[in-house]
PDB file of N, CA and C in Angstrom:
ATOM      1  N   MET A   1      -6.675  -9.218  -4.448  1.00  0.00           N
ATOM      2  CA  MET A   1      -8.094 -10.222  -4.282  1.00  0.00           C
ATOM      3  C   MET A   1      -7.537 -11.469  -4.692  1.00  0.00           C
ATOM      4  N   GLY A   2      -6.294 -11.981  -4.760  1.00  0.00           N
ATOM      5  CA  GLY A   2      -5.842 -13.182  -5.178  1.00  0.00           C
ATOM      6  C   GLY A   2      -5.749 -14.082  -3.989  1.00  0.00           C
ATOM      7  N   GLU A   3      -5.894 -13.532  -2.852  1.00  0.00           N
ATOM      8  CA  GLU A   3      -5.945 -14.292  -1.576  1.00  0.00           C
ATOM      9  C   GLU A   3      -7.399 -14.436  -1.070  1.00  0.00           C
ATOM     10  N   VAL A   4      -7.751 -15.501  -0.432  1.00  0.00           N
ATOM     11  CA  VAL A   4      -8.997 -15.876   0.157  1.00  0.00           C
ATOM     12  C   VAL A   4      -9.368 -14.776   1.335  1.00  0.00           C
ATOM     13  N   ARG A   5      -8.521 -14.326   2.013  1.00  0.00           N
ATOM     14  CA  ARG A   5      -8.896 -13.493   3.123  1.00  0.00           C
ATOM     15  C   ARG A   5      -9.392 -12.147   2.688  1.00  0.00           C
ATOM     16  N   TYR A   6      -8.723 -11.700   1.528  1.00  0.00           N
ATOM     17  CA  TYR A   6      -9.411 -10.417   0.954  1.00  0.00           C
ATOM     18  C   TYR A   6     -10.470 -10.511   0.260  1.00  0.00           C
ATOM     19  N   ASN A   7     -10.766 -11.562  -0.480  1.00  0.00           N
ATOM     20  CA  ASN A   7     -11.935 -11.875  -1.127  1.00  0.00           C
ATOM     21  C   ASN A   7     -13.128 -12.159  -0.303  1.00  0.00           C
ATOM     22  N   ALA A   8     -13.044 -12.867   0.875  1.00  0.00           N
ATOM     23  CA  ALA A   8     -13.849 -13.032   1.920  1.00  0.00           C
ATOM     24  C   ALA A   8     -14.322 -11.760   2.560  1.00  0.00           C
ATOM     25  N   LEU A   9     -13.507 -10.953   2.883  1.00  0.00           N
ATOM     26  CA  LEU A   9     -13.630  -9.605   3.493  1.00  0.00           C
ATOM     27  C   LEU A   9     -14.597  -8.745   2.528  1.00  0.00           C
ATOM     28  N   ALA A  10     -14.068  -8.888   1.271  1.00  0.00           N
ATOM     29  CA  ALA A  10     -14.920  -7.952   0.298  1.00  0.00           C
ATOM     30  C   ALA A  10     -16.403  -8.413   0.092  1.00  0.00           C
ATOM     31  N   ARG A  11     -16.595  -9.800   0.197  1.00  0.00           N
ATOM     32  CA  ARG A  11     -17.869 -10.413   0.281  1.00  0.00           C
ATOM     33  C   ARG A  11     -18.588  -9.949   1.338  1.00  0.00           C
ATOM     34  N   GLN A  12     -18.006 -10.296   2.527  1.00  0.00           N
ATOM     35  CA  GLN A  12     -18.808 -10.139   3.800  1.00  0.00           C
ATOM     36  C   GLN A  12     -19.079  -8.764   4.248  1.00  0.00           C
ATOM     37  N   ASN A  13     -18.270  -7.942   3.947  1.00  0.00           N
ATOM     38  CA  ASN A  13     -18.329  -6.448   4.208  1.00  0.00           C
ATOM     39  C   ASN A  13     -17.798  -5.509   3.514  1.00  0.00           C
ATOM     40  N   PRO A  14     -18.351  -5.189   2.200  1.00  0.00           N
ATOM     41  CA  PRO A  14     -17.869  -4.649   1.036  1.00  0.00           C
ATOM     42  C   PRO A  14     -17.353  -2.979   1.568  1.00  0.00           C
ATOM     43  N   GLU A  15     -18.299  -2.464   2.290  1.00  0.00           N
ATOM     44  CA  GLU A  15     -18.095  -1.162   2.856  1.00  0.00           C
ATOM     45  C   GLU A  15     -16.721  -0.981   3.556  1.00  0.00           C
ATOM     46  N   ARG A  16     -16.546  -1.975   4.663  1.00  0.00           N
ATOM     47  CA  ARG A  16     -15.186  -1.855   5.163  1.00  0.00           C
ATOM     48  C   ARG A  16     -14.000  -2.337   4.422  1.00  0.00           C
ATOM     49  N   ALA A  17     -14.435  -3.328   3.633  1.00  0.00           N
ATOM     50  CA  ALA A  17     -13.076  -3.770   2.634  1.00  0.00           C
ATOM     51  C   ALA A  17     -12.667  -2.661   1.719  1.00  0.00           C
ATOM     52  N   GLU A  18     -13.486  -1.941   1.166  1.00  0.00           N
ATOM     53  CA  GLU A  18     -13.114  -0.660   0.571  1.00  0.00           C
ATOM     54  C   GLU A  18     -12.443   0.414   1.352  1.00  0.00           C
ATOM     55  N   LYS A  19     -12.728   0.713   2.573  1.00  0.00           N
ATOM     56  CA  LYS A  19     -12.066   1.558   3.356  1.00  0.00           C
ATOM     57  C   LYS A  19     -10.615   0.929   3.619  1.00  0.00           C
ATOM     58  N   LEU A  20     -10.518  -0.225   3.963  1.00  0.00           N
ATOM     59  CA  LEU A  20      -9.263  -0.825   4.409  1.00  0.00           C
ATOM     60  C   LEU A  20      -8.345  -0.972   3.191  1.00  0.00           C
ATOM     61  N   PHE A  21      -9.002  -1.331   1.936  1.00  0.00           N
ATOM     62  CA  PHE A  21      -8.033  -1.474   0.966  1.00  0.00           C
ATOM     63  C   PHE A  21      -7.660  -0.099   0.351  1.00  0.00           C
ATOM     64  N   SER A  22      -8.346   0.939   0.489  1.00  0.00           N
ATOM     65  CA  SER A  22      -7.998   2.375   0.194  1.00  0.00           C
ATOM     66  C   SER A  22      -6.966   2.856   1.236  1.00  0.00           C
ATOM     67  N   LYS A  23      -7.142   2.494   2.414  1.00  0.00           N
ATOM     68  CA  LYS A  23      -6.137   2.992   3.513  1.00  0.00           C
ATOM     69  C   LYS A  23      -4.726   2.289   3.171  1.00  0.00           C
ATOM     70  N   ALA A  24      -4.648   0.820   2.837  1.00  0.00           N
ATOM     71  CA  ALA A  24      -3.610   0.280   2.757  1.00  0.00           C
ATOM     72  C   ALA A  24      -2.770   0.796   1.417  1.00  0.00           C
ATOM     73  N   GLU A  25      -3.679   1.027   0.373  1.00  0.00           N
ATOM     74  CA  GLU A  25      -3.102   1.503  -0.911  1.00  0.00           C
ATOM     75  C   GLU A  25      -2.462   3.013  -0.632  1.00  0.00           C
ATOM     76  N   GLN A  26      -2.863   3.717   0.127  1.00  0.00           N
ATOM     77  CA  GLN A  26      -2.436   5.224   0.395  1.00  0.00           C
ATOM     78  C   GLN A  26      -1.078   4.981   1.246  1.00  0.00           C
ATOM     79  N   ASN A  27      -1.083   4.001   2.246  1.00  0.00           N
ATOM     80  CA  ASN A  27      -0.141   3.621   3.153  1.00  0.00           C
ATOM     81  C   ASN A  27       1.113   3.169   2.337  1.00  0.00           C
ATOM     82  N   ALA A  28       0.842   2.278   1.328  1.00  0.00           N
ATOM     83  CA  ALA A  28       1.989   1.910   0.336  1.00  0.00           C
ATOM     84  C   ALA A  28       2.352   3.062  -0.346  1.00  0.00           C
ATOM     85  N   LYS A  29       1.642   3.931  -0.974  1.00  0.00           N
ATOM     86  CA  LYS A  29       2.028   4.971  -1.749  1.00  0.00           C
ATOM     87  C   LYS A  29       3.143   5.854  -0.804  1.00  0.00           C
ATOM     88  N   ASP A  30       2.557   6.269   0.289  1.00  0.00           N
ATOM     89  CA  ASP A  30       3.233   7.036   1.224  1.00  0.00           C
ATOM     90  C   ASP A  30       4.668   6.503   1.631  1.00  0.00           C
ATOM     91  N   ARG A  31       4.612   5.257   2.011  1.00  0.00           N
ATOM     92  CA  ARG A  31       5.892   4.435   2.220  1.00  0.00           C
ATOM     93  C   ARG A  31       6.899   4.399   0.964  1.00  0.00           C
ATOM     94  N   TYR A  32       6.378   4.354  -0.114  1.00  0.00           N
ATOM     95  CA  TYR A  32       7.079   4.337  -1.315  1.00  0.00           C
ATOM     96  C   TYR A  32       7.762   5.701  -1.759  1.00  0.00           C
ATOM     97  N   ASP A  33       7.132   6.672  -1.272  1.00  0.00           N
ATOM     98  CA  ASP A  33       7.450   8.144  -1.686  1.00  0.00           C
ATOM     99  C   ASP A  33       8.485   8.496  -0.472  1.00  0.00           C
ATOM    100  N   TYR A  34       8.430   7.948   0.687  1.00  0.00           N
ATOM    101  CA  TYR A  34       9.205   7.990   1.697  1.00  0.00           C
ATOM    102  C   TYR A  34      10.681   7.670   1.433  1.00  0.00           C
ATOM    103  N   LEU A  35      10.584   6.264   0.865  1.00  0.00           N
ATOM    104  CA  LEU A  35      11.915   5.714   0.498  1.00  0.00           C
ATOM    105  C   LEU A  35      12.409   6.372  -0.753  1.00  0.00           C
ATOM    106  N   LEU A  36      11.826   6.836  -1.630  1.00  0.00           N
ATOM    107  CA  LEU A  36      12.303   7.621  -2.610  1.00  0.00           C
ATOM    108  C   LEU A  36      13.171   8.864  -2.182  1.00  0.00           C
ATOM    109  N   ARG A  37      12.455   9.516  -1.321  1.00  0.00           N
ATOM    110  CA  ARG A  37      13.079  10.712  -0.662  1.00  0.00           C
ATOM    111  C   ARG A  37      14.389  10.309  -0.008  1.00  0.00           C
ATOM    112  N   TYR A  38      14.259   9.215   0.909  1.00  0.00           N
ATOM    113  CA  TYR A  38      15.406   8.823   1.693  1.00  0.00           C
ATOM    114  C   TYR A  38      16.624   8.446   0.788  1.00  0.00           C
ATOM    115  N   ALA A  39      16.178   7.606  -0.475  1.00  0.00           N
ATOM    116  CA  ALA A  39      17.267   7.370  -1.293  1.00  0.00           C
ATOM    117  C   ALA A  39      17.900   8.634  -1.871  1.00  0.00           C
ATOM    118  N   LYS A  40      17.009   9.601  -2.311  1.00  0.00           N
ATOM    119  CA  LYS A  40      17.680  10.634  -2.961  1.00  0.00           C
ATOM    120  C   LYS A  40      18.421  11.405  -1.925  1.00  0.00           C
ATOM    121  N   LEU A  41      18.077  11.410  -0.666  1.00  0.00           N
ATOM    122  CA  LEU A  41      18.888  12.121   0.308  1.00  0.00           C
ATOM    123  C   LEU A  41      20.344  11.554   0.582  1.00  0.00           C
ATOM    124  N   TYR A  42      20.438  10.399   0.451  1.00  0.00           N
ATOM    125  CA  TYR A  42      21.721   9.711   0.616  1.00  0.00           C
ATOM    126  C   TYR A  42      22.253   9.345  -0.768  1.00  0.00           C
ATOM    127  N   ASN A  43      21.621   9.590  -1.969  1.00  0.00           N
ATOM    128  CA  ASN A  43      22.215   9.426  -3.077  1.00  0.00           C
ATOM    129  C   ASN A  43      22.737   8.199  -3.324  1.00  0.00           C
ATOM    130  N   THR A  44      22.068   7.054  -3.323  1.00  0.00           N
ATOM    131  CA  THR A  44      22.197   5.863  -3.405  1.00  0.00           C
ATOM    132  C   THR A  44      22.630   5.145  -4.698  1.00  0.00           C
ATOM    133  N   GLU A  45      22.352   5.952  -5.809  1.00  0.00           N
ATOM    134  CA  GLU A  45      22.757   5.755  -7.263  1.00  0.00           C
ATOM    135  C   GLU A  45      24.347   5.382  -7.244  1.00  0.00           C
ATOM    136  N   GLU A  46      24.628   4.342  -7.826  1.00  0.00           N
ATOM    137  CA  GLU A  46      26.219   4.438  -8.199  1.00  0.00           C
ATOM    138  C   GLU A  46      26.593   5.290  -9.399  1.00  0.00           C
ATOM    139  N   LYS A  47      27.768   6.003  -9.379  1.00  0.00           N
ATOM    140  CA  LYS A  47      28.128   6.775 -10.536  1.00  0.00           C
ATOM    141  C   LYS A  47      29.342   6.331 -11.064  1.00  0.00           C
TER     142      LYS A  47
END
Protein backbone atom coordinates (compact mmCIF):
# COMPACT_ATOMS: atom_id res chain seq x y z
CA MET A 1 0.00 0.00 0.00
CA GLY A 2 3.03 2.24 -0.13
CA GLU A 3 2.31 3.20 -3.74
CA VAL A 4 -0.48 5.49 -4.85
CA ARG A 5 -1.77 3.05 -7.47
CA TYR A 6 -2.44 0.34 -4.86
CA ASN A 7 -3.99 2.74 -2.41
CA ALA A 8 -6.20 4.25 -5.13
CA LEU A 9 -7.39 0.82 -6.24
CA ALA A 10 -8.24 -0.15 -2.67
CA ARG A 11 -10.23 3.07 -2.20
CA GLN A 12 -12.05 2.97 -5.54
CA ASN A 13 -12.87 -0.72 -5.70
CA PRO A 14 -12.16 -2.52 -2.41
CA GLU A 15 -13.67 -5.86 -3.46
CA ARG A 16 -11.64 -6.08 -6.65
CA ALA A 17 -8.52 -4.86 -4.86
CA GLU A 18 -8.81 -7.60 -2.25
CA LYS A 19 -9.15 -10.27 -4.94
CA LEU A 20 -6.18 -8.92 -6.88
CA PHE A 21 -3.99 -8.55 -3.79
CA SER A 22 -4.82 -12.09 -2.67
CA LYS A 23 -4.09 -13.45 -6.13
CA ALA A 24 -0.76 -11.57 -6.27
CA GLU A 25 0.21 -12.84 -2.83
CA GLN A 26 -0.56 -16.45 -3.78
CA ASN A 27 1.36 -16.02 -7.04
CA ALA A 28 4.41 -14.76 -5.13
CA LYS A 29 4.24 -17.68 -2.70
CA ASP A 30 3.93 -20.17 -5.57
CA ARG A 31 6.92 -18.65 -7.38
CA TYR A 32 8.99 -18.70 -4.19
CA ASP A 33 8.14 -22.38 -3.58
CA TYR A 34 9.02 -23.16 -7.19
CA LEU A 35 12.41 -21.47 -6.85
CA LEU A 36 13.13 -23.31 -3.60
CA ARG A 37 12.37 -26.64 -5.28
CA TYR A 38 14.49 -25.65 -8.28
CA ALA A 39 17.43 -24.69 -6.06
CA LYS A 40 17.12 -27.94 -4.14
CA LEU A 41 17.04 -29.91 -7.38
CA TYR A 42 20.32 -28.40 -8.52
CA ASN A 43 21.80 -28.21 -5.03
CA THR A 44 22.98 -24.62 -5.38
CA GLU A 45 24.43 -24.42 -1.88
CA GLU A 46 28.22 -24.27 -1.69
CA LYS A 47 29.82 -26.99 0.41
